[in-house]
N, C-alpha and C. Protein backbone atom coordinates (compact mmCIF):
# COMPACT_ATOMS: atom_id res chain seq x y z
N MET A 1 112.36 -30.19 134.52
CA MET A 1 112.53 -29.03 133.75
C MET A 1 112.36 -29.50 132.38
N SER A 2 111.76 -28.60 131.52
CA SER A 2 111.48 -28.88 130.16
C SER A 2 112.74 -28.91 129.32
N GLU A 3 112.70 -29.74 128.21
CA GLU A 3 113.85 -29.79 127.24
C GLU A 3 114.04 -28.38 126.60
N PRO A 4 115.27 -27.88 126.51
CA PRO A 4 115.54 -26.58 125.82
C PRO A 4 114.95 -26.66 124.42
N HIS A 5 114.22 -25.50 124.07
CA HIS A 5 113.82 -25.38 122.62
C HIS A 5 113.55 -23.97 122.37
N PHE A 6 114.38 -23.31 121.46
CA PHE A 6 114.40 -22.00 121.15
C PHE A 6 113.11 -21.75 120.27
N ASP A 7 112.38 -20.82 120.70
CA ASP A 7 111.03 -20.62 119.88
C ASP A 7 111.04 -19.23 119.20
N GLU A 8 111.11 -19.11 117.95
CA GLU A 8 111.15 -17.87 117.24
C GLU A 8 109.91 -16.95 117.56
N THR A 9 108.75 -17.68 117.73
CA THR A 9 107.54 -16.88 118.00
C THR A 9 107.61 -16.18 119.32
N ILE A 10 108.02 -16.87 120.26
CA ILE A 10 108.16 -16.17 121.65
C ILE A 10 109.29 -15.28 121.75
N HIS A 11 110.36 -15.52 121.09
CA HIS A 11 111.59 -14.78 121.23
C HIS A 11 111.53 -13.29 120.92
N ALA A 12 110.55 -12.92 120.06
CA ALA A 12 110.39 -11.36 119.80
C ALA A 12 110.23 -10.66 121.13
N PRO A 13 111.00 -9.63 121.35
CA PRO A 13 111.04 -9.00 122.68
C PRO A 13 109.70 -8.70 123.31
N LEU A 14 108.70 -8.18 122.64
CA LEU A 14 107.38 -7.92 123.20
C LEU A 14 106.72 -9.22 123.64
N ARG A 15 106.79 -10.18 122.69
CA ARG A 15 106.04 -11.50 123.05
C ARG A 15 106.73 -12.14 124.12
N LEU A 16 107.99 -12.03 124.19
CA LEU A 16 108.78 -12.70 125.36
C LEU A 16 108.28 -12.06 126.64
N ARG A 17 108.08 -10.81 126.70
CA ARG A 17 107.68 -10.03 127.88
C ARG A 17 106.23 -10.41 128.18
N ILE A 18 105.35 -10.50 127.11
CA ILE A 18 103.90 -10.90 127.32
C ILE A 18 103.95 -12.21 127.99
N CYS A 19 104.65 -13.22 127.43
CA CYS A 19 104.57 -14.68 128.00
C CYS A 19 105.14 -14.56 129.31
N GLY A 20 106.25 -13.86 129.69
CA GLY A 20 106.84 -13.84 130.98
C GLY A 20 105.80 -13.29 131.96
N LEU A 21 105.09 -12.31 131.61
CA LEU A 21 104.06 -11.76 132.56
C LEU A 21 102.85 -12.72 132.71
N LEU A 22 102.41 -13.35 131.74
CA LEU A 22 101.30 -14.25 131.78
C LEU A 22 101.67 -15.45 132.51
N ARG A 23 103.01 -15.91 132.48
CA ARG A 23 103.38 -17.15 133.00
C ARG A 23 103.22 -17.10 134.57
N ARG A 24 103.24 -15.94 135.02
CA ARG A 24 103.17 -15.74 136.66
C ARG A 24 101.78 -15.77 137.17
N VAL A 25 100.75 -15.71 136.27
CA VAL A 25 99.37 -15.51 136.76
C VAL A 25 98.45 -16.56 136.02
N ASP A 26 97.15 -16.69 136.53
CA ASP A 26 96.29 -17.53 135.89
C ASP A 26 95.77 -16.72 134.59
N GLN A 27 95.39 -15.45 134.87
CA GLN A 27 95.00 -14.61 133.73
C GLN A 27 95.18 -13.19 134.09
N LEU A 28 95.22 -12.38 132.98
CA LEU A 28 95.59 -10.96 133.20
C LEU A 28 94.67 -10.13 132.39
N ASP A 29 94.12 -9.01 132.86
CA ASP A 29 93.38 -8.05 132.06
C ASP A 29 94.21 -7.43 130.97
N PHE A 30 93.64 -7.40 129.71
CA PHE A 30 94.35 -6.82 128.61
C PHE A 30 94.85 -5.46 128.95
N ALA A 31 94.00 -4.60 129.51
CA ALA A 31 94.40 -3.22 129.81
C ALA A 31 95.57 -3.16 130.87
N VAL A 32 95.61 -4.07 131.83
CA VAL A 32 96.64 -4.10 132.78
C VAL A 32 97.97 -4.49 132.06
N LEU A 33 97.89 -5.52 131.24
CA LEU A 33 99.05 -5.95 130.50
C LEU A 33 99.58 -4.85 129.52
N ARG A 34 98.65 -4.10 128.80
CA ARG A 34 98.93 -2.99 127.99
C ARG A 34 99.70 -1.86 128.85
N ASP A 35 99.17 -1.59 129.96
CA ASP A 35 99.80 -0.51 130.77
C ASP A 35 101.09 -1.00 131.34
N THR A 36 101.19 -2.20 131.75
CA THR A 36 102.50 -2.65 132.29
C THR A 36 103.63 -2.68 131.18
N LEU A 37 103.21 -2.89 129.95
CA LEU A 37 104.27 -2.93 128.92
C LEU A 37 104.43 -1.65 128.29
N ASN A 38 103.42 -0.71 128.59
CA ASN A 38 103.54 0.64 128.04
C ASN A 38 103.54 0.66 126.52
N VAL A 39 102.53 0.00 126.04
CA VAL A 39 102.40 -0.17 124.54
C VAL A 39 100.95 0.19 124.16
N PRO A 40 100.73 0.69 122.75
CA PRO A 40 99.35 1.00 122.48
C PRO A 40 98.54 -0.29 122.33
N ASP A 41 97.19 -0.17 122.36
CA ASP A 41 96.33 -1.31 122.18
C ASP A 41 96.61 -2.15 120.94
N ALA A 42 96.77 -1.31 119.80
CA ALA A 42 97.01 -2.07 118.53
C ALA A 42 98.21 -2.90 118.54
N THR A 43 99.36 -2.44 119.16
CA THR A 43 100.59 -3.11 119.25
C THR A 43 100.37 -4.44 120.09
N LEU A 44 99.75 -4.28 121.24
CA LEU A 44 99.55 -5.49 122.02
C LEU A 44 98.67 -6.43 121.31
N SER A 45 97.57 -5.90 120.76
CA SER A 45 96.64 -6.90 120.04
C SER A 45 97.38 -7.68 118.94
N LYS A 46 98.20 -7.05 118.26
CA LYS A 46 98.97 -7.74 117.16
C LYS A 46 99.87 -8.83 117.67
N HIS A 47 100.58 -8.63 118.81
CA HIS A 47 101.42 -9.66 119.35
C HIS A 47 100.60 -10.74 120.07
N VAL A 48 99.62 -10.35 120.73
CA VAL A 48 98.63 -11.30 121.37
C VAL A 48 98.06 -12.22 120.20
N LYS A 49 97.60 -11.67 119.16
CA LYS A 49 97.02 -12.49 117.95
C LYS A 49 98.13 -13.47 117.50
N THR A 50 99.29 -13.04 117.35
CA THR A 50 100.45 -13.96 116.93
C THR A 50 100.49 -15.15 117.93
N LEU A 51 100.51 -14.84 119.21
CA LEU A 51 100.70 -15.89 120.25
C LEU A 51 99.38 -16.69 120.28
N ALA A 52 98.19 -16.14 120.02
CA ALA A 52 96.98 -16.91 120.01
C ALA A 52 96.92 -17.91 118.82
N ASN A 53 97.34 -17.38 117.59
CA ASN A 53 97.31 -18.23 116.46
C ASN A 53 98.23 -19.38 116.57
N THR A 54 99.29 -19.40 117.36
CA THR A 54 100.19 -20.52 117.69
C THR A 54 99.57 -21.44 118.84
N GLY A 55 98.52 -21.01 119.45
CA GLY A 55 98.01 -21.63 120.53
C GLY A 55 98.69 -21.36 121.89
N TYR A 56 99.43 -20.36 121.98
CA TYR A 56 100.07 -20.07 123.19
C TYR A 56 99.35 -19.28 124.15
N VAL A 57 98.50 -18.35 123.65
CA VAL A 57 97.65 -17.49 124.40
C VAL A 57 96.12 -17.71 124.12
N SER A 58 95.33 -17.68 125.19
CA SER A 58 93.81 -17.67 125.00
C SER A 58 93.30 -16.43 125.64
N SER A 59 92.04 -16.05 125.19
CA SER A 59 91.46 -14.90 125.66
C SER A 59 89.97 -15.17 125.84
N HIS A 60 89.35 -14.44 126.71
CA HIS A 60 87.93 -14.45 126.86
C HIS A 60 87.46 -13.14 127.43
N LYS A 61 86.27 -12.80 127.12
CA LYS A 61 85.72 -11.52 127.64
C LYS A 61 84.72 -11.81 128.73
N ALA A 62 84.75 -10.97 129.78
CA ALA A 62 83.88 -11.14 130.92
C ALA A 62 83.39 -9.80 131.46
N ALA A 63 82.26 -9.85 132.12
CA ALA A 63 81.75 -8.48 132.72
C ALA A 63 82.75 -8.28 133.93
N SER A 64 82.75 -6.99 134.23
CA SER A 64 83.65 -6.67 135.39
C SER A 64 82.75 -5.97 136.47
N ALA A 65 82.94 -6.45 137.62
CA ALA A 65 82.13 -5.88 138.74
C ALA A 65 82.54 -4.54 139.07
N SER A 66 83.66 -4.11 138.75
CA SER A 66 84.21 -2.69 139.09
C SER A 66 83.82 -1.68 137.99
N ARG A 67 83.19 -2.14 136.87
CA ARG A 67 82.75 -1.22 135.79
C ARG A 67 81.36 -0.81 135.94
N THR A 68 80.98 0.42 135.66
CA THR A 68 79.63 0.92 135.80
C THR A 68 78.97 0.89 134.43
N ASP A 69 79.64 0.64 133.34
CA ASP A 69 79.22 0.61 131.95
C ASP A 69 79.09 -0.89 131.57
N ALA A 70 78.66 -1.19 130.28
CA ALA A 70 78.41 -2.41 129.67
C ALA A 70 79.68 -3.10 129.16
N ARG A 71 80.74 -2.28 129.07
CA ARG A 71 81.94 -2.84 128.37
C ARG A 71 82.41 -4.09 129.27
N ARG A 72 83.06 -5.01 128.47
CA ARG A 72 83.55 -6.20 129.12
C ARG A 72 85.09 -6.22 129.10
N VAL A 73 85.67 -6.84 130.01
CA VAL A 73 87.07 -7.01 130.13
C VAL A 73 87.64 -8.17 129.39
N THR A 74 88.69 -7.90 128.60
CA THR A 74 89.37 -9.05 127.98
C THR A 74 90.43 -9.65 128.79
N TRP A 75 90.32 -10.97 129.16
CA TRP A 75 91.20 -11.57 130.02
C TRP A 75 92.24 -12.51 129.11
N LEU A 76 93.41 -12.39 129.39
CA LEU A 76 94.46 -13.11 128.67
C LEU A 76 95.07 -14.28 129.58
N SER A 77 95.35 -15.40 129.01
CA SER A 77 95.98 -16.53 129.67
C SER A 77 96.99 -17.25 128.81
N LEU A 78 98.10 -17.57 129.47
CA LEU A 78 99.00 -18.54 128.72
C LEU A 78 98.41 -19.92 128.79
N THR A 79 98.26 -20.52 127.62
CA THR A 79 97.70 -21.88 127.55
C THR A 79 98.78 -22.84 128.11
N PRO A 80 98.29 -24.19 128.31
CA PRO A 80 99.41 -25.20 128.75
C PRO A 80 100.40 -25.31 127.75
N SER A 81 100.07 -25.22 126.46
CA SER A 81 101.17 -25.32 125.51
C SER A 81 101.98 -24.16 125.41
N GLY A 82 101.48 -23.01 125.68
CA GLY A 82 102.18 -21.81 125.84
C GLY A 82 103.07 -21.80 127.03
N GLN A 83 102.66 -22.30 128.08
CA GLN A 83 103.54 -22.39 129.32
C GLN A 83 104.72 -23.33 128.90
N ALA A 84 104.38 -24.50 128.34
CA ALA A 84 105.50 -25.45 128.11
C ALA A 84 106.51 -24.78 126.98
N ALA A 85 105.99 -24.16 126.05
CA ALA A 85 106.89 -23.47 124.98
C ALA A 85 107.71 -22.39 125.61
N PHE A 86 107.08 -21.58 126.48
CA PHE A 86 107.79 -20.51 127.19
C PHE A 86 108.97 -21.14 128.09
N ASP A 87 108.55 -22.08 128.80
CA ASP A 87 109.51 -22.69 129.81
C ASP A 87 110.71 -23.35 129.00
N ALA A 88 110.37 -23.97 127.83
CA ALA A 88 111.45 -24.61 126.99
C ALA A 88 112.26 -23.46 126.34
N HIS A 89 111.75 -22.39 125.99
CA HIS A 89 112.46 -21.31 125.38
C HIS A 89 113.42 -20.60 126.43
N ILE A 90 112.94 -20.38 127.57
CA ILE A 90 113.78 -19.86 128.76
C ILE A 90 114.88 -20.85 129.04
N HIS A 91 114.57 -22.17 129.03
CA HIS A 91 115.64 -23.07 129.23
C HIS A 91 116.72 -22.98 128.13
N ALA A 92 116.19 -22.90 126.87
CA ALA A 92 117.17 -22.71 125.77
C ALA A 92 118.16 -21.49 125.90
N LEU A 93 117.49 -20.47 126.35
CA LEU A 93 118.20 -19.19 126.58
C LEU A 93 119.29 -19.42 127.74
N GLN A 94 118.90 -20.09 128.78
CA GLN A 94 119.76 -20.42 129.85
C GLN A 94 120.95 -21.20 129.35
N GLU A 95 120.68 -22.13 128.48
CA GLU A 95 121.74 -22.94 127.93
C GLU A 95 122.66 -22.19 126.96
N ILE A 96 122.14 -21.17 126.21
CA ILE A 96 122.92 -20.33 125.47
C ILE A 96 123.85 -19.52 126.30
N ALA A 97 123.28 -19.04 127.30
CA ALA A 97 124.06 -18.02 128.25
C ALA A 97 124.98 -18.68 129.14
N LYS A 98 124.86 -20.07 129.39
CA LYS A 98 125.77 -20.80 130.30
C LYS A 98 127.16 -20.71 129.91
N PRO A 99 128.05 -20.36 130.92
CA PRO A 99 129.53 -20.26 130.61
C PRO A 99 129.99 -21.54 130.17
N SER A 100 130.97 -21.56 129.21
CA SER A 100 131.49 -22.81 128.79
C SER A 100 132.50 -23.28 129.78
N SER A 101 132.58 -24.65 129.86
CA SER A 101 133.43 -25.29 130.83
C SER A 101 134.89 -25.13 130.56
C-alpha cells in the first residue's frame, strides 16, 4: 500500500470523482465520463486540464468504429503518477477517518 499523502489537486470533489472513475479502467471516453458525472463539457475539460497539468491524467484522440462521421473520440487515462497520487490520497483519507484508539 502507498504511503498516505493528502493531495490538494485531487481532493477537489469533481477531480476526486474523475480520478476514482479513471482508476478502475485503462481508459475512458470523455463523453462517457461527462455523462457519468453529469457535468457540462467545459466543467469537465477544466478539471481534466488541471489533472493533466500535474501529470495525473493523459488524453489522446482516436477514431471510433461506432461513429459514422469524422469526429474523433477523446480518451482519458490516469497516468502511473496519477494512480500513485490517487492511491496515496485515498490512503491519507482513510488515515484521517480512522477511529482513534
